[in-house]
């Protein structure tokens, strides 16, 4: 990453969630690089919730959110550094609204 640089890796939009979201991955950091796992509003770049991640195996539980969102891995470094992320796994129960305004699970 360039000196003073930042970047973000965004997931596809997640439209309907029945419970909390858990993301797991392996993380390596060099220099002054830092990584945050964030929930991002679907239609704007607004960060709704961010949690810092430390090097090593990472497990982050993100709060349930009632509107469509994306998961973002946000890396930044005030000086030189590198962020390496490997073996990303997301666990979530997805749902869909039915005609009777009920939510049912599609996948687990």
N, C-alpha and C. Protein backbone atom coordinates (compact mmCIF):
# COMPACT_ATOMS: atom_id res chain seq x y z
N UNK A 1 0.84 -1.17 0.00
CA UNK A 1 0.00 0.00 0.00
C UNK A 1 0.89 1.23 0.00
N UNK A 2 0.49 2.25 -0.73
CA UNK A 2 1.26 3.49 -0.77
C UNK A 2 1.30 4.15 0.60
N UNK A 3 2.26 5.02 0.78
CA UNK A 3 2.33 5.79 2.02
C UNK A 3 1.04 6.60 2.16
N UNK A 4 0.38 6.45 3.30
CA UNK A 4 -0.86 7.17 3.55
C UNK A 4 -2.03 6.67 2.74
N UNK A 5 -1.95 5.46 2.20
CA UNK A 5 -3.01 4.95 1.35
C UNK A 5 -4.07 4.17 2.09
N UNK A 6 -5.19 3.97 1.42
CA UNK A 6 -6.25 3.12 1.94
C UNK A 6 -6.98 2.47 0.77
N UNK A 7 -7.63 1.35 1.05
CA UNK A 7 -8.40 0.65 0.03
C UNK A 7 -9.49 -0.16 0.71
N UNK A 8 -10.50 -0.56 -0.08
CA UNK A 8 -11.60 -1.31 0.49
C UNK A 8 -12.03 -2.42 -0.47
N UNK A 9 -12.23 -3.62 0.07
CA UNK A 9 -12.77 -4.75 -0.67
C UNK A 9 -14.22 -4.91 -0.23
N UNK A 10 -15.16 -4.82 -1.20
CA UNK A 10 -16.59 -4.87 -0.89
C UNK A 10 -17.23 -6.16 -1.36
N UNK A 11 -18.15 -6.69 -0.56
CA UNK A 11 -18.92 -7.86 -0.96
C UNK A 11 -20.06 -7.42 -1.88
N UNK A 12 -20.76 -8.40 -2.43
CA UNK A 12 -22.02 -8.12 -3.12
C UNK A 12 -23.02 -7.64 -2.07
N UNK A 13 -24.12 -7.05 -2.50
CA UNK A 13 -25.15 -6.59 -1.58
C UNK A 13 -25.84 -7.79 -0.93
N UNK A 14 -25.99 -7.73 0.37
CA UNK A 14 -26.73 -8.74 1.13
C UNK A 14 -28.06 -8.08 1.48
N UNK A 15 -29.16 -8.62 0.95
CA UNK A 15 -30.45 -7.93 1.05
C UNK A 15 -31.29 -8.32 2.25
N UNK A 16 -31.22 -9.54 2.71
CA UNK A 16 -32.10 -9.99 3.78
C UNK A 16 -31.34 -10.96 4.68
N UNK A 17 -31.19 -10.61 5.95
CA UNK A 17 -30.45 -11.45 6.90
C UNK A 17 -31.36 -11.75 8.08
N UNK A 18 -31.35 -13.01 8.51
CA UNK A 18 -32.21 -13.41 9.63
C UNK A 18 -31.53 -13.27 10.98
N UNK A 19 -30.20 -13.23 11.00
CA UNK A 19 -29.48 -13.11 12.27
C UNK A 19 -28.14 -12.41 12.03
N UNK A 20 -27.24 -12.50 12.99
CA UNK A 20 -25.93 -11.86 12.86
C UNK A 20 -25.11 -12.50 11.75
N UNK A 21 -24.14 -11.75 11.28
CA UNK A 21 -23.21 -12.21 10.26
C UNK A 21 -21.86 -12.46 10.92
N UNK A 22 -21.23 -13.58 10.57
CA UNK A 22 -19.90 -13.90 11.08
C UNK A 22 -18.95 -14.02 9.89
N UNK A 23 -17.81 -13.36 9.97
CA UNK A 23 -16.81 -13.46 8.91
C UNK A 23 -15.50 -13.95 9.53
N UNK A 24 -14.87 -14.91 8.85
CA UNK A 24 -13.61 -15.50 9.33
C UNK A 24 -12.58 -15.41 8.20
N UNK A 25 -11.33 -15.16 8.56
CA UNK A 25 -10.25 -15.15 7.58
C UNK A 25 -8.92 -15.16 8.30
N UNK A 26 -7.87 -15.39 7.54
CA UNK A 26 -6.50 -15.28 8.05
C UNK A 26 -5.95 -13.93 7.62
N UNK A 27 -5.25 -13.24 8.52
CA UNK A 27 -4.79 -11.89 8.26
C UNK A 27 -3.31 -11.74 8.60
N UNK A 28 -2.57 -11.14 7.67
CA UNK A 28 -1.17 -10.78 7.89
C UNK A 28 -1.05 -9.28 7.67
N UNK A 29 -0.30 -8.60 8.55
CA UNK A 29 -0.08 -7.16 8.45
C UNK A 29 1.41 -6.87 8.52
N UNK A 30 1.87 -5.90 7.72
CA UNK A 30 3.25 -5.44 7.82
C UNK A 30 3.24 -3.92 7.99
N UNK A 31 4.35 -3.40 8.49
CA UNK A 31 4.47 -1.95 8.65
C UNK A 31 3.39 -1.39 9.54
N UNK A 32 2.81 -0.27 9.13
CA UNK A 32 1.78 0.39 9.93
C UNK A 32 0.36 0.08 9.44
N UNK A 33 0.23 -0.93 8.60
CA UNK A 33 -1.08 -1.27 8.02
C UNK A 33 -2.06 -1.76 9.09
N UNK A 34 -3.32 -1.39 8.91
CA UNK A 34 -4.41 -1.80 9.79
C UNK A 34 -5.58 -2.26 8.93
N UNK A 35 -6.43 -3.13 9.49
CA UNK A 35 -7.61 -3.61 8.77
C UNK A 35 -8.83 -3.50 9.67
N UNK A 36 -9.94 -3.05 9.08
CA UNK A 36 -11.22 -3.03 9.77
C UNK A 36 -12.22 -3.83 8.94
N UNK A 37 -13.12 -4.53 9.64
CA UNK A 37 -14.24 -5.21 9.00
C UNK A 37 -15.46 -4.34 9.25
N UNK A 38 -16.13 -3.93 8.17
CA UNK A 38 -17.22 -2.96 8.29
C UNK A 38 -18.49 -3.42 7.60
N UNK A 39 -19.62 -2.92 8.09
CA UNK A 39 -20.88 -3.00 7.38
C UNK A 39 -21.04 -1.68 6.65
N UNK A 40 -21.42 -1.74 5.37
CA UNK A 40 -21.55 -0.55 4.55
C UNK A 40 -22.97 -0.48 4.01
N UNK A 41 -23.58 0.70 4.05
CA UNK A 41 -24.91 0.89 3.49
C UNK A 41 -24.91 0.52 2.01
N UNK A 42 -26.00 -0.08 1.55
CA UNK A 42 -26.09 -0.56 0.16
C UNK A 42 -25.89 0.55 -0.86
N UNK A 43 -26.52 1.70 -0.65
CA UNK A 43 -26.56 2.72 -1.69
C UNK A 43 -25.60 3.89 -1.48
N UNK A 44 -24.94 3.95 -0.33
CA UNK A 44 -23.99 5.03 -0.08
C UNK A 44 -22.69 4.43 0.47
N UNK A 45 -21.61 5.18 0.47
CA UNK A 45 -20.37 4.65 1.04
C UNK A 45 -20.31 4.78 2.57
N UNK A 46 -21.45 5.03 3.21
CA UNK A 46 -21.47 5.21 4.67
C UNK A 46 -21.11 3.92 5.39
N UNK A 47 -20.14 4.00 6.30
CA UNK A 47 -19.76 2.86 7.13
C UNK A 47 -20.70 2.82 8.32
N UNK A 48 -21.44 1.71 8.47
CA UNK A 48 -22.44 1.60 9.53
C UNK A 48 -21.87 1.06 10.82
N UNK A 49 -20.91 0.16 10.73
CA UNK A 49 -20.29 -0.45 11.91
C UNK A 49 -18.94 -0.98 11.48
N UNK A 50 -17.89 -0.67 12.22
CA UNK A 50 -16.54 -1.17 11.90
C UNK A 50 -15.91 -1.78 13.14
N UNK A 51 -15.18 -2.87 12.92
CA UNK A 51 -14.45 -3.52 14.00
C UNK A 51 -13.02 -3.77 13.53
N UNK A 52 -12.06 -3.44 14.36
CA UNK A 52 -10.65 -3.65 14.02
C UNK A 52 -10.30 -5.13 14.07
N UNK A 53 -9.36 -5.53 13.23
CA UNK A 53 -8.90 -6.92 13.19
C UNK A 53 -7.39 -6.94 13.42
N UNK A 54 -6.93 -7.90 14.21
CA UNK A 54 -5.50 -8.07 14.48
C UNK A 54 -4.97 -9.23 13.64
N UNK A 55 -3.67 -9.25 13.39
CA UNK A 55 -3.05 -10.31 12.59
C UNK A 55 -3.30 -11.67 13.22
N UNK A 56 -3.41 -12.68 12.36
CA UNK A 56 -3.66 -14.06 12.79
C UNK A 56 -5.01 -14.53 12.29
N UNK A 57 -5.51 -15.62 12.84
CA UNK A 57 -6.87 -16.05 12.49
C UNK A 57 -7.87 -15.04 13.07
N UNK A 58 -8.78 -14.57 12.25
CA UNK A 58 -9.74 -13.54 12.65
C UNK A 58 -11.16 -14.09 12.57
N UNK A 59 -11.95 -13.83 13.60
CA UNK A 59 -13.39 -14.10 13.58
C UNK A 59 -14.07 -12.83 14.06
N UNK A 60 -14.94 -12.28 13.23
CA UNK A 60 -15.65 -11.06 13.59
C UNK A 60 -17.15 -11.32 13.47
N UNK A 61 -17.88 -11.06 14.55
CA UNK A 61 -19.33 -11.15 14.53
C UNK A 61 -19.87 -9.75 14.32
N UNK A 62 -20.61 -9.56 13.23
CA UNK A 62 -21.17 -8.26 12.90
C UNK A 62 -22.63 -8.22 13.35
N UNK A 63 -23.13 -7.08 13.76
CA UNK A 63 -24.50 -7.00 14.26
C UNK A 63 -25.54 -7.19 13.15
N UNK A 64 -26.72 -7.62 13.56
CA UNK A 64 -27.83 -7.78 12.61
C UNK A 64 -28.23 -6.39 12.14
N UNK A 65 -28.57 -6.29 10.88
CA UNK A 65 -28.97 -5.01 10.30
C UNK A 65 -30.25 -5.23 9.50
N UNK A 66 -31.16 -4.30 9.56
CA UNK A 66 -32.50 -4.46 8.99
C UNK A 66 -32.61 -4.02 7.53
N UNK A 67 -31.55 -3.50 6.96
CA UNK A 67 -31.62 -3.03 5.57
C UNK A 67 -30.49 -3.65 4.77
N UNK A 68 -30.57 -3.59 3.43
CA UNK A 68 -29.50 -4.16 2.60
C UNK A 68 -28.15 -3.51 2.91
N UNK A 69 -27.09 -4.33 2.86
CA UNK A 69 -25.76 -3.84 3.21
C UNK A 69 -24.70 -4.64 2.45
N UNK A 70 -23.49 -4.18 2.56
CA UNK A 70 -22.31 -4.89 2.05
C UNK A 70 -21.35 -5.09 3.22
N UNK A 71 -20.49 -6.09 3.09
CA UNK A 71 -19.40 -6.27 4.04
C UNK A 71 -18.15 -5.69 3.37
N UNK A 72 -17.40 -4.90 4.12
CA UNK A 72 -16.19 -4.29 3.58
C UNK A 72 -14.99 -4.65 4.44
N UNK A 73 -13.89 -4.97 3.78
CA UNK A 73 -12.59 -5.08 4.44
C UNK A 73 -11.86 -3.80 4.08
N UNK A 74 -11.63 -2.94 5.07
CA UNK A 74 -11.04 -1.62 4.84
C UNK A 74 -9.62 -1.60 5.38
N UNK A 75 -8.66 -1.46 4.48
CA UNK A 75 -7.25 -1.43 4.86
C UNK A 75 -6.73 -0.01 4.73
N UNK A 76 -5.89 0.38 5.70
CA UNK A 76 -5.26 1.70 5.62
C UNK A 76 -3.90 1.65 6.30
N UNK A 77 -3.04 2.57 5.88
CA UNK A 77 -1.71 2.64 6.46
C UNK A 77 -1.23 4.09 6.40
N UNK A 78 -0.94 4.70 7.57
CA UNK A 78 -0.42 6.06 7.56
C UNK A 78 0.98 6.15 6.96
N UNK A 79 1.71 5.04 7.00
CA UNK A 79 3.04 4.94 6.41
C UNK A 79 3.01 3.72 5.50
N UNK A 80 4.13 3.12 5.20
CA UNK A 80 4.14 1.94 4.33
C UNK A 80 3.72 0.70 5.09
N UNK A 81 3.03 -0.19 4.39
CA UNK A 81 2.59 -1.44 5.00
C UNK A 81 1.81 -2.27 4.00
N UNK A 82 1.53 -3.50 4.39
CA UNK A 82 0.83 -4.41 3.51
C UNK A 82 -0.20 -5.20 4.33
N UNK A 83 -1.35 -5.46 3.72
CA UNK A 83 -2.41 -6.28 4.31
C UNK A 83 -2.63 -7.47 3.39
N UNK A 84 -2.58 -8.67 3.97
CA UNK A 84 -2.85 -9.89 3.20
C UNK A 84 -3.99 -10.62 3.90
N UNK A 85 -5.04 -10.93 3.14
CA UNK A 85 -6.21 -11.64 3.66
C UNK A 85 -6.36 -12.92 2.85
N UNK A 86 -6.61 -14.03 3.56
CA UNK A 86 -6.71 -15.34 2.90
C UNK A 86 -7.83 -16.14 3.54
N UNK A 87 -8.42 -17.03 2.77
CA UNK A 87 -9.39 -18.01 3.26
C UNK A 87 -10.59 -17.34 3.93
N UNK A 88 -11.25 -16.44 3.19
CA UNK A 88 -12.40 -15.70 3.72
C UNK A 88 -13.63 -16.61 3.73
N UNK A 89 -14.31 -16.65 4.88
CA UNK A 89 -15.56 -17.40 5.03
C UNK A 89 -16.58 -16.51 5.71
N UNK A 90 -17.79 -16.47 5.14
CA UNK A 90 -18.88 -15.69 5.74
C UNK A 90 -20.00 -16.65 6.10
N UNK A 91 -20.48 -16.56 7.33
CA UNK A 91 -21.60 -17.38 7.77
C UNK A 91 -22.78 -16.46 8.05
N UNK A 92 -23.91 -16.76 7.40
CA UNK A 92 -25.10 -15.92 7.53
C UNK A 92 -26.32 -16.74 7.15
N UNK A 93 -27.45 -16.46 7.76
CA UNK A 93 -28.72 -17.04 7.34
C UNK A 93 -29.43 -15.99 6.49
N UNK A 94 -29.56 -16.28 5.21
CA UNK A 94 -30.21 -15.34 4.30
C UNK A 94 -31.70 -15.59 4.31
N UNK A 95 -32.48 -14.56 4.05
CA UNK A 95 -33.93 -14.70 4.04
C UNK A 95 -34.53 -13.95 2.87
N UNK A 96 -35.81 -14.19 2.64
CA UNK A 96 -36.54 -13.51 1.58
C UNK A 96 -37.92 -13.15 2.12
N UNK A 97 -38.41 -11.99 1.77
CA UNK A 97 -39.75 -11.57 2.19
C UNK A 97 -40.79 -12.29 1.32
N UNK A 98 -41.80 -12.87 1.96
CA UNK A 98 -42.88 -13.55 1.23
C UNK A 98 -44.03 -12.57 1.03
N UNK A 99 -45.08 -13.02 0.32
CA UNK A 99 -46.24 -12.17 0.07
C UNK A 99 -46.94 -11.73 1.35
N UNK A 100 -46.83 -12.52 2.41
CA UNK A 100 -47.51 -12.20 3.66
C UNK A 100 -46.59 -11.42 4.60
N UNK A 101 -45.56 -10.81 4.04
CA UNK A 101 -44.61 -9.99 4.78
C UNK A 101 -43.88 -10.76 5.89
N UNK A 102 -43.71 -12.05 5.68
CA UNK A 102 -42.92 -12.88 6.58
C UNK A 102 -41.57 -13.12 5.93
N UNK A 103 -40.58 -13.36 6.77
CA UNK A 103 -39.26 -13.66 6.25
C UNK A 103 -38.98 -15.14 6.43
N UNK A 104 -38.48 -15.76 5.38
CA UNK A 104 -38.11 -17.17 5.51
C UNK A 104 -36.66 -17.33 5.08
N UNK A 105 -36.03 -18.34 5.62
CA UNK A 105 -34.61 -18.58 5.38
C UNK A 105 -34.41 -19.25 4.03
N UNK A 106 -33.42 -18.78 3.26
CA UNK A 106 -33.06 -19.40 2.00
C UNK A 106 -31.88 -20.34 2.15
N UNK A 107 -30.90 -19.95 2.94
CA UNK A 107 -29.67 -20.75 3.08
C UNK A 107 -29.08 -20.48 4.45
N UNK A 108 -28.24 -21.41 4.90
CA UNK A 108 -27.61 -21.22 6.20
C UNK A 108 -26.12 -21.29 6.10
